[in-house]
Amino acid sequence: MPVNFLFLSPVFFFQMTKSVTNPEELGGLASQMTNDYGHLALQGRMAAATAEPEEIGFQIKTRVQELGHGCIFLVQKAGALQICPTDSYTKRELIECARAVTEKVSLVLSALQAGNKGTQACITAASAVSGIIADLDTTIMFATAGTLNAENNESFADHR
């Protein structure tokens, strides 16, 4: 599942902490984060429903929920800082909330990757089988052309 949301990148953390000095930017960032989280929640629900084993689905669901709670706290702190832009305590709290959200994002991503291991294993196995088939085709081509040295006087057609 491709996840390309603003707050899933280190850029978001940088923008959020940079906005501590420009609180007027926090409203736009909070709005964007809310929209992105809504999309993630929908995609996360689908990923959790289709994940195997079931524990991975549960892990995806709970980590997305925990991220949602972290986003709520972050938006609340952003609003508090907009009300009182000079409050250094609120600035520190906002930075801590942004850090917590970043950590929760990494947990969501790791859960999504864990749910994708079976698919990746199939892709890797298919690639390995394709390589073996290509090697066999090449060997058959050389053997048919008679360029491989036989240990005795038998032909490739006898063994084919």
N, C-alpha and C. Protein backbone atom coordinates (compact mmCIF):
# COMPACT_ATOMS: atom_id res chain seq x y z
N MET A 1 0.85 -1.18 0.00
CA MET A 1 0.00 0.00 0.00
C MET A 1 0.89 1.24 0.00
N PRO A 2 0.82 2.04 -1.03
CA PRO A 2 1.64 3.25 -1.02
C PRO A 2 1.08 4.28 -0.07
N VAL A 3 1.94 4.81 0.76
CA VAL A 3 1.54 5.82 1.73
C VAL A 3 2.37 7.07 1.46
N ASN A 4 1.75 8.10 0.91
CA ASN A 4 2.46 9.32 0.56
C ASN A 4 1.84 10.52 1.25
N PHE A 5 1.69 10.47 2.53
CA PHE A 5 1.06 11.55 3.26
C PHE A 5 2.12 12.48 3.83
N LEU A 6 1.78 13.76 3.90
CA LEU A 6 2.71 14.79 4.36
C LEU A 6 3.32 14.45 5.71
N PHE A 7 2.50 14.06 6.69
CA PHE A 7 3.03 13.90 8.03
C PHE A 7 3.76 12.56 8.21
N LEU A 8 3.85 11.76 7.16
CA LEU A 8 4.62 10.52 7.24
C LEU A 8 6.07 10.74 6.84
N SER A 9 6.45 11.98 6.68
CA SER A 9 7.83 12.26 6.29
C SER A 9 8.51 13.13 7.34
N PRO A 10 9.84 13.10 7.36
CA PRO A 10 10.57 13.97 8.29
C PRO A 10 10.33 15.45 8.00
N VAL A 11 9.91 15.75 6.78
CA VAL A 11 9.65 17.13 6.41
C VAL A 11 8.55 17.71 7.28
N PHE A 12 7.52 16.90 7.58
CA PHE A 12 6.43 17.38 8.42
C PHE A 12 6.95 17.77 9.80
N PHE A 13 7.76 16.91 10.41
CA PHE A 13 8.30 17.21 11.73
C PHE A 13 9.08 18.52 11.69
N PHE A 14 9.89 18.68 10.64
CA PHE A 14 10.66 19.90 10.50
C PHE A 14 9.74 21.11 10.37
N GLN A 15 8.70 20.99 9.54
CA GLN A 15 7.78 22.12 9.35
C GLN A 15 7.04 22.45 10.64
N MET A 16 6.62 21.43 11.35
CA MET A 16 5.87 21.65 12.59
C MET A 16 6.76 22.33 13.63
N THR A 17 7.98 21.85 13.80
CA THR A 17 8.85 22.47 14.80
C THR A 17 9.31 23.86 14.35
N LYS A 18 9.50 24.06 13.06
CA LYS A 18 9.86 25.38 12.54
C LYS A 18 8.73 26.37 12.77
N SER A 19 7.50 25.87 12.68
CA SER A 19 6.33 26.74 12.86
C SER A 19 6.17 27.24 14.28
N VAL A 20 6.95 26.71 15.22
CA VAL A 20 6.91 27.20 16.59
C VAL A 20 7.26 28.68 16.59
N THR A 21 8.16 29.08 15.68
CA THR A 21 8.52 30.49 15.59
C THR A 21 7.54 31.28 14.73
N ASN A 22 6.71 30.59 13.94
CA ASN A 22 5.68 31.22 13.10
C ASN A 22 4.34 30.52 13.35
N PRO A 23 3.71 30.74 14.49
CA PRO A 23 2.49 30.02 14.84
C PRO A 23 1.35 30.18 13.84
N GLU A 24 1.38 31.23 13.02
CA GLU A 24 0.30 31.41 12.05
C GLU A 24 0.30 30.30 10.99
N GLU A 25 1.41 29.60 10.82
CA GLU A 25 1.50 28.50 9.86
C GLU A 25 0.91 27.20 10.42
N LEU A 26 0.73 27.11 11.72
CA LEU A 26 0.29 25.87 12.35
C LEU A 26 -1.11 25.44 11.92
N GLY A 27 -1.99 26.39 11.68
CA GLY A 27 -3.35 26.05 11.29
C GLY A 27 -3.39 25.26 9.99
N GLY A 28 -2.62 25.71 9.00
CA GLY A 28 -2.57 25.02 7.71
C GLY A 28 -1.96 23.64 7.83
N LEU A 29 -0.89 23.53 8.62
CA LEU A 29 -0.26 22.23 8.83
C LEU A 29 -1.19 21.26 9.56
N ALA A 30 -1.89 21.77 10.56
CA ALA A 30 -2.83 20.92 11.31
C ALA A 30 -3.97 20.45 10.41
N SER A 31 -4.45 21.34 9.56
CA SER A 31 -5.52 20.97 8.63
C SER A 31 -5.04 19.90 7.65
N GLN A 32 -3.85 20.08 7.11
CA GLN A 32 -3.29 19.09 6.18
C GLN A 32 -3.08 17.75 6.86
N MET A 33 -2.57 17.78 8.10
CA MET A 33 -2.36 16.55 8.84
C MET A 33 -3.68 15.82 9.09
N THR A 34 -4.72 16.58 9.42
CA THR A 34 -6.03 15.98 9.67
C THR A 34 -6.55 15.29 8.40
N ASN A 35 -6.43 15.95 7.26
CA ASN A 35 -6.87 15.34 5.99
C ASN A 35 -6.05 14.09 5.68
N ASP A 36 -4.74 14.19 5.84
CA ASP A 36 -3.88 13.05 5.55
C ASP A 36 -4.18 11.88 6.48
N TYR A 37 -4.41 12.18 7.76
CA TYR A 37 -4.72 11.10 8.68
C TYR A 37 -6.05 10.42 8.30
N GLY A 38 -7.02 11.20 7.85
CA GLY A 38 -8.29 10.61 7.40
C GLY A 38 -8.08 9.61 6.28
N HIS A 39 -7.22 9.97 5.32
CA HIS A 39 -6.91 9.05 4.23
C HIS A 39 -6.18 7.82 4.75
N LEU A 40 -5.23 8.04 5.65
CA LEU A 40 -4.48 6.92 6.22
C LEU A 40 -5.40 5.98 6.99
N ALA A 41 -6.34 6.53 7.73
CA ALA A 41 -7.27 5.69 8.51
C ALA A 41 -8.08 4.79 7.58
N LEU A 42 -8.54 5.33 6.46
CA LEU A 42 -9.30 4.50 5.50
C LEU A 42 -8.41 3.40 4.92
N GLN A 43 -7.22 3.77 4.48
CA GLN A 43 -6.30 2.79 3.92
C GLN A 43 -5.85 1.77 4.97
N GLY A 44 -5.63 2.25 6.18
CA GLY A 44 -5.24 1.36 7.27
C GLY A 44 -6.31 0.34 7.60
N ARG A 45 -7.55 0.77 7.55
CA ARG A 45 -8.67 -0.16 7.81
C ARG A 45 -8.67 -1.27 6.78
N MET A 46 -8.47 -0.91 5.51
CA MET A 46 -8.44 -1.93 4.45
C MET A 46 -7.22 -2.84 4.61
N ALA A 47 -6.07 -2.27 4.94
CA ALA A 47 -4.86 -3.07 5.12
C ALA A 47 -5.03 -4.03 6.30
N ALA A 48 -5.63 -3.56 7.37
CA ALA A 48 -5.83 -4.40 8.56
C ALA A 48 -6.79 -5.55 8.25
N ALA A 49 -7.81 -5.27 7.45
CA ALA A 49 -8.80 -6.29 7.13
C ALA A 49 -8.23 -7.40 6.24
N THR A 50 -7.26 -7.07 5.43
CA THR A 50 -6.71 -8.05 4.49
C THR A 50 -5.38 -8.64 4.94
N ALA A 51 -4.84 -8.17 6.06
CA ALA A 51 -3.52 -8.64 6.51
C ALA A 51 -3.58 -10.07 7.01
N GLU A 52 -2.54 -10.80 6.73
CA GLU A 52 -2.36 -12.15 7.24
C GLU A 52 -1.00 -12.20 7.90
N PRO A 53 -0.85 -12.75 9.05
CA PRO A 53 -1.87 -13.30 9.93
C PRO A 53 -2.72 -12.20 10.57
N GLU A 54 -3.73 -12.62 11.26
CA GLU A 54 -4.69 -11.70 11.87
C GLU A 54 -4.03 -10.75 12.88
N GLU A 55 -2.96 -11.21 13.52
CA GLU A 55 -2.27 -10.36 14.51
C GLU A 55 -1.68 -9.12 13.85
N ILE A 56 -1.21 -9.28 12.62
CA ILE A 56 -0.65 -8.13 11.89
C ILE A 56 -1.75 -7.11 11.62
N GLY A 57 -2.93 -7.59 11.26
CA GLY A 57 -4.06 -6.69 11.04
C GLY A 57 -4.42 -5.93 12.30
N PHE A 58 -4.41 -6.63 13.42
CA PHE A 58 -4.71 -5.98 14.70
C PHE A 58 -3.63 -4.95 15.03
N GLN A 59 -2.39 -5.29 14.75
CA GLN A 59 -1.28 -4.37 15.02
C GLN A 59 -1.41 -3.11 14.15
N ILE A 60 -1.75 -3.28 12.88
CA ILE A 60 -1.94 -2.12 12.00
C ILE A 60 -3.05 -1.23 12.55
N LYS A 61 -4.16 -1.86 12.91
CA LYS A 61 -5.32 -1.11 13.42
C LYS A 61 -4.97 -0.32 14.68
N THR A 62 -4.32 -0.97 15.64
CA THR A 62 -4.02 -0.28 16.89
C THR A 62 -2.98 0.83 16.70
N ARG A 63 -2.00 0.59 15.84
CA ARG A 63 -0.98 1.61 15.64
C ARG A 63 -1.53 2.83 14.89
N VAL A 64 -2.46 2.59 13.98
CA VAL A 64 -3.10 3.72 13.29
C VAL A 64 -3.96 4.51 14.29
N GLN A 65 -4.63 3.80 15.19
CA GLN A 65 -5.42 4.48 16.23
C GLN A 65 -4.53 5.30 17.16
N GLU A 66 -3.40 4.72 17.57
CA GLU A 66 -2.47 5.44 18.44
C GLU A 66 -1.93 6.68 17.74
N LEU A 67 -1.67 6.56 16.45
CA LEU A 67 -1.23 7.71 15.68
C LEU A 67 -2.32 8.78 15.67
N GLY A 68 -3.56 8.37 15.54
CA GLY A 68 -4.68 9.31 15.56
C GLY A 68 -4.75 10.08 16.87
N HIS A 69 -4.54 9.38 17.98
CA HIS A 69 -4.54 10.06 19.28
C HIS A 69 -3.39 11.06 19.37
N GLY A 70 -2.23 10.66 18.86
CA GLY A 70 -1.09 11.58 18.84
C GLY A 70 -1.36 12.80 17.98
N CYS A 71 -2.05 12.61 16.86
CA CYS A 71 -2.40 13.73 15.99
C CYS A 71 -3.38 14.68 16.69
N ILE A 72 -4.31 14.12 17.44
CA ILE A 72 -5.26 14.96 18.18
C ILE A 72 -4.51 15.86 19.17
N PHE A 73 -3.59 15.27 19.94
CA PHE A 73 -2.82 16.06 20.90
C PHE A 73 -1.99 17.12 20.19
N LEU A 74 -1.43 16.76 19.04
CA LEU A 74 -0.61 17.71 18.29
C LEU A 74 -1.44 18.89 17.80
N VAL A 75 -2.63 18.62 17.29
CA VAL A 75 -3.51 19.70 16.82
C VAL A 75 -3.94 20.57 17.99
N GLN A 76 -4.23 19.95 19.14
CA GLN A 76 -4.59 20.74 20.32
C GLN A 76 -3.46 21.66 20.75
N LYS A 77 -2.23 21.14 20.74
CA LYS A 77 -1.08 21.97 21.13
C LYS A 77 -0.83 23.07 20.11
N ALA A 78 -1.06 22.77 18.84
CA ALA A 78 -0.91 23.80 17.81
C ALA A 78 -1.92 24.92 18.03
N GLY A 79 -3.15 24.55 18.37
CA GLY A 79 -4.17 25.56 18.67
C GLY A 79 -3.82 26.39 19.89
N ALA A 80 -3.29 25.71 20.91
CA ALA A 80 -2.90 26.43 22.14
C ALA A 80 -1.76 27.40 21.86
N LEU A 81 -0.83 27.02 20.99
CA LEU A 81 0.27 27.91 20.67
C LEU A 81 -0.20 29.09 19.83
N GLN A 82 -1.20 28.88 19.00
CA GLN A 82 -1.74 30.00 18.22
C GLN A 82 -2.43 31.01 19.14
N ILE A 83 -3.05 30.52 20.20
CA ILE A 83 -3.71 31.41 21.16
C ILE A 83 -2.67 32.22 21.94
N CYS A 84 -1.60 31.56 22.33
CA CYS A 84 -0.56 32.24 23.12
C CYS A 84 0.81 31.94 22.51
N PRO A 85 1.18 32.66 21.43
CA PRO A 85 2.40 32.35 20.68
C PRO A 85 3.71 32.54 21.43
N THR A 86 3.70 33.21 22.54
CA THR A 86 4.95 33.45 23.27
C THR A 86 5.17 32.47 24.42
N ASP A 87 4.24 31.58 24.68
CA ASP A 87 4.34 30.63 25.79
C ASP A 87 5.37 29.55 25.49
N SER A 88 6.50 29.59 26.16
CA SER A 88 7.59 28.65 25.88
C SER A 88 7.23 27.22 26.30
N TYR A 89 6.41 27.07 27.35
CA TYR A 89 5.99 25.74 27.78
C TYR A 89 5.16 25.07 26.69
N THR A 90 4.24 25.80 26.09
CA THR A 90 3.40 25.26 25.02
C THR A 90 4.25 24.93 23.79
N LYS A 91 5.27 25.75 23.53
CA LYS A 91 6.17 25.47 22.41
C LYS A 91 6.88 24.13 22.62
N ARG A 92 7.38 23.91 23.83
CA ARG A 92 8.05 22.63 24.14
C ARG A 92 7.08 21.47 24.01
N GLU A 93 5.84 21.65 24.51
CA GLU A 93 4.84 20.59 24.40
C GLU A 93 4.53 20.26 22.94
N LEU A 94 4.45 21.30 22.10
CA LEU A 94 4.18 21.09 20.68
C LEU A 94 5.30 20.28 20.04
N ILE A 95 6.53 20.62 20.37
CA ILE A 95 7.68 19.90 19.81
C ILE A 95 7.67 18.44 20.28
N GLU A 96 7.34 18.21 21.55
CA GLU A 96 7.26 16.84 22.06
C GLU A 96 6.14 16.06 21.38
N CYS A 97 5.01 16.71 21.15
CA CYS A 97 3.90 16.04 20.45
C CYS A 97 4.29 15.70 19.02
N ALA A 98 4.99 16.60 18.36
CA ALA A 98 5.45 16.34 16.99
C ALA A 98 6.42 15.16 16.97
N ARG A 99 7.30 15.08 17.96
CA ARG A 99 8.22 13.96 18.08
C ARG A 99 7.46 12.65 18.30
N ALA A 100 6.47 12.69 19.16
CA ALA A 100 5.67 11.50 19.44
C ALA A 100 4.93 11.04 18.19
N VAL A 101 4.39 11.98 17.43
CA VAL A 101 3.68 11.62 16.19
C VAL A 101 4.66 10.98 15.21
N THR A 102 5.86 11.51 15.11
CA THR A 102 6.86 10.95 14.21
C THR A 102 7.19 9.51 14.61
N GLU A 103 7.31 9.25 15.90
CA GLU A 103 7.58 7.89 16.38
C GLU A 103 6.40 6.96 16.05
N LYS A 104 5.19 7.46 16.24
CA LYS A 104 4.01 6.65 15.95
C LYS A 104 3.89 6.36 14.46
N VAL A 105 4.30 7.29 13.63
CA VAL A 105 4.30 7.09 12.19
C VAL A 105 5.24 5.94 11.83
N SER A 106 6.43 5.91 12.44
CA SER A 106 7.37 4.84 12.14
C SER A 106 6.81 3.49 12.58
N LEU A 107 6.04 3.46 13.68
CA LEU A 107 5.42 2.22 14.11
C LEU A 107 4.34 1.76 13.13
N VAL A 108 3.57 2.71 12.59
CA VAL A 108 2.56 2.37 11.59
C VAL A 108 3.24 1.79 10.35
N LEU A 109 4.29 2.45 9.90
CA LEU A 109 5.00 1.98 8.71
C LEU A 109 5.59 0.59 8.93
N SER A 110 6.14 0.32 10.11
CA SER A 110 6.70 -1.01 10.36
C SER A 110 5.60 -2.07 10.39
N ALA A 111 4.43 -1.73 10.92
CA ALA A 111 3.31 -2.69 10.91
C ALA A 111 2.85 -2.96 9.48
N LEU A 112 2.79 -1.92 8.66
CA LEU A 112 2.39 -2.10 7.27
C LEU A 112 3.42 -2.95 6.52
N GLN A 113 4.69 -2.75 6.80
CA GLN A 113 5.73 -3.55 6.15
C GLN A 113 5.66 -5.00 6.61
N ALA A 114 5.34 -5.23 7.87
CA ALA A 114 5.20 -6.60 8.38
C ALA A 114 4.05 -7.32 7.68
N GLY A 115 3.00 -6.60 7.38
CA GLY A 115 1.87 -7.19 6.67
C GLY A 115 2.18 -7.46 5.22
N ASN A 116 3.26 -6.90 4.72
CA ASN A 116 3.62 -7.02 3.32
C ASN A 116 4.68 -8.10 3.09
N LYS A 117 5.16 -8.76 4.14
CA LYS A 117 6.25 -9.71 4.01
C LYS A 117 5.88 -10.90 3.13
N GLY A 118 4.68 -11.42 3.24
CA GLY A 118 4.26 -12.56 2.42
C GLY A 118 4.26 -12.20 0.95
N THR A 119 3.77 -11.03 0.64
CA THR A 119 3.75 -10.58 -0.75
C THR A 119 5.17 -10.44 -1.27
N GLN A 120 6.04 -9.86 -0.48
CA GLN A 120 7.44 -9.68 -0.90
C GLN A 120 8.12 -11.03 -1.08
N ALA A 121 7.83 -12.00 -0.21
CA ALA A 121 8.42 -13.33 -0.34
C ALA A 121 7.99 -13.99 -1.65
N CYS A 122 6.73 -13.82 -2.04
CA CYS A 122 6.25 -14.37 -3.31
C CYS A 122 6.94 -13.71 -4.50
N ILE A 123 7.11 -12.39 -4.43
CA ILE A 123 7.79 -11.67 -5.51
C ILE A 123 9.23 -12.16 -5.63
N THR A 124 9.92 -12.33 -4.50
CA THR A 124 11.30 -12.80 -4.51
C THR A 124 11.39 -14.22 -5.07
N ALA A 125 10.47 -15.10 -4.65
CA ALA A 125 10.47 -16.48 -5.15
C ALA A 125 10.19 -16.52 -6.65
N ALA A 126 9.24 -15.71 -7.11
CA ALA A 126 8.93 -15.67 -8.55
C ALA A 126 10.13 -15.19 -9.34
N SER A 127 10.84 -14.21 -8.80
CA SER A 127 12.04 -13.70 -9.47
C SER A 127 13.11 -14.78 -9.55
N ALA A 128 13.30 -15.53 -8.47
CA ALA A 128 14.30 -16.60 -8.45
C ALA A 128 13.94 -17.69 -9.46
N VAL A 129 12.67 -18.07 -9.52
CA VAL A 129 12.21 -19.09 -10.47
C VAL A 129 12.41 -18.60 -11.90
N SER A 130 12.12 -17.33 -12.16
CA SER A 130 12.33 -16.77 -13.50
C SER A 130 13.80 -16.84 -13.89
N GLY A 131 14.68 -16.57 -12.94
CA GLY A 131 16.12 -16.66 -13.21
C GLY A 131 16.54 -18.07 -13.54
N ILE A 132 16.02 -19.04 -12.80
CA ILE A 132 16.35 -20.45 -13.05
C ILE A 132 15.85 -20.87 -14.43
N ILE A 133 14.63 -20.46 -14.77
CA ILE A 133 14.07 -20.79 -16.09
C ILE A 133 14.93 -20.18 -17.20
N ALA A 134 15.36 -18.94 -17.01
CA ALA A 134 16.21 -18.30 -18.01
C ALA A 134 17.53 -19.04 -18.15
N ASP A 135 18.12 -19.48 -17.03
CA ASP A 135 19.37 -20.25 -17.08
C ASP A 135 19.16 -21.57 -17.80
N LEU A 136 18.05 -22.24 -17.52
CA LEU A 136 17.76 -23.50 -18.21
C LEU A 136 17.56 -23.29 -19.70
N ASP A 137 16.84 -22.24 -20.07
CA ASP A 137 16.64 -21.94 -21.49
C ASP A 137 17.97 -21.71 -22.20
N THR A 138 18.87 -20.98 -21.53
CA THR A 138 20.19 -20.71 -22.12
C THR A 138 20.97 -22.02 -22.27
N THR A 139 20.95 -22.86 -21.26
CA THR A 139 21.65 -24.13 -21.32
C THR A 139 21.09 -25.01 -22.43
N ILE A 140 19.78 -25.06 -22.56
CA ILE A 140 19.15 -25.84 -23.62
C ILE A 140 19.55 -25.32 -24.99
N MET A 141 19.61 -24.00 -25.14
CA MET A 141 19.99 -23.39 -26.41
C MET A 141 21.41 -23.81 -26.79
N PHE A 142 22.36 -23.73 -25.83
CA PHE A 142 23.74 -24.11 -26.13
C PHE A 142 23.86 -25.61 -26.39
N ALA A 143 23.12 -26.41 -25.60
CA ALA A 143 23.18 -27.86 -25.78
C ALA A 143 22.61 -28.27 -27.13
N THR A 144 21.51 -27.64 -27.53
CA THR A 144 20.89 -27.93 -28.82
C THR A 144 21.83 -27.55 -29.96
N ALA A 145 22.56 -26.46 -29.79
CA ALA A 145 23.50 -26.01 -30.83
C ALA A 145 24.75 -26.88 -30.86
N GLY A 146 24.93 -27.75 -29.86
CA GLY A 146 26.08 -28.64 -29.83
C GLY A 146 27.34 -27.99 -29.31
N THR A 147 27.23 -26.88 -28.63
CA THR A 147 28.44 -26.20 -28.15
C THR A 147 28.89 -26.68 -26.78
N LEU A 148 28.08 -27.45 -26.09
CA LEU A 148 28.50 -28.00 -24.80
C LEU A 148 29.25 -29.30 -25.06
N ASN A 149 30.37 -29.52 -24.37
CA ASN A 149 31.16 -30.74 -24.57
C ASN A 149 30.51 -31.89 -23.83
N ALA A 150 30.26 -32.96 -24.49
CA ALA A 150 29.70 -34.16 -23.87
C ALA A 150 30.82 -34.99 -23.28
N GLU A 151 30.56 -35.68 -22.17
CA GLU A 151 31.57 -36.53 -21.56
C GLU A 151 31.74 -37.82 -22.36
N ASN A 152 30.72 -38.21 -23.06
CA ASN A 152 30.79 -39.39 -23.93
C ASN A 152 30.16 -39.03 -25.27
N ASN A 153 29.91 -39.95 -26.06
CA ASN A 153 29.42 -39.68 -27.41
C ASN A 153 27.90 -39.54 -27.49
N GLU A 154 27.23 -39.38 -26.37
CA GLU A 154 25.78 -39.23 -26.39
C GLU A 154 25.44 -37.80 -26.79
N SER A 155 24.28 -37.66 -27.42
CA SER A 155 23.85 -36.30 -27.82
C SER A 155 22.87 -35.76 -26.79
N PHE A 156 22.67 -34.45 -26.87
CA PHE A 156 21.71 -33.78 -25.97
C PHE A 156 20.30 -34.31 -26.20
N ALA A 157 19.97 -34.61 -27.45
CA ALA A 157 18.63 -35.10 -27.77
C ALA A 157 18.33 -36.42 -27.05
N ASP A 158 19.38 -37.24 -26.80
CA ASP A 158 19.16 -38.49 -26.07
C ASP A 158 18.71 -38.23 -24.63
N HIS A 159 19.15 -37.13 -24.03
CA HIS A 159 18.82 -36.83 -22.63
C HIS A 159 17.67 -35.87 -22.47
N ARG A 160 17.35 -35.17 -23.52
CA ARG A 160 16.30 -34.17 -23.46
C ARG A 160 14.98 -34.80 -23.12
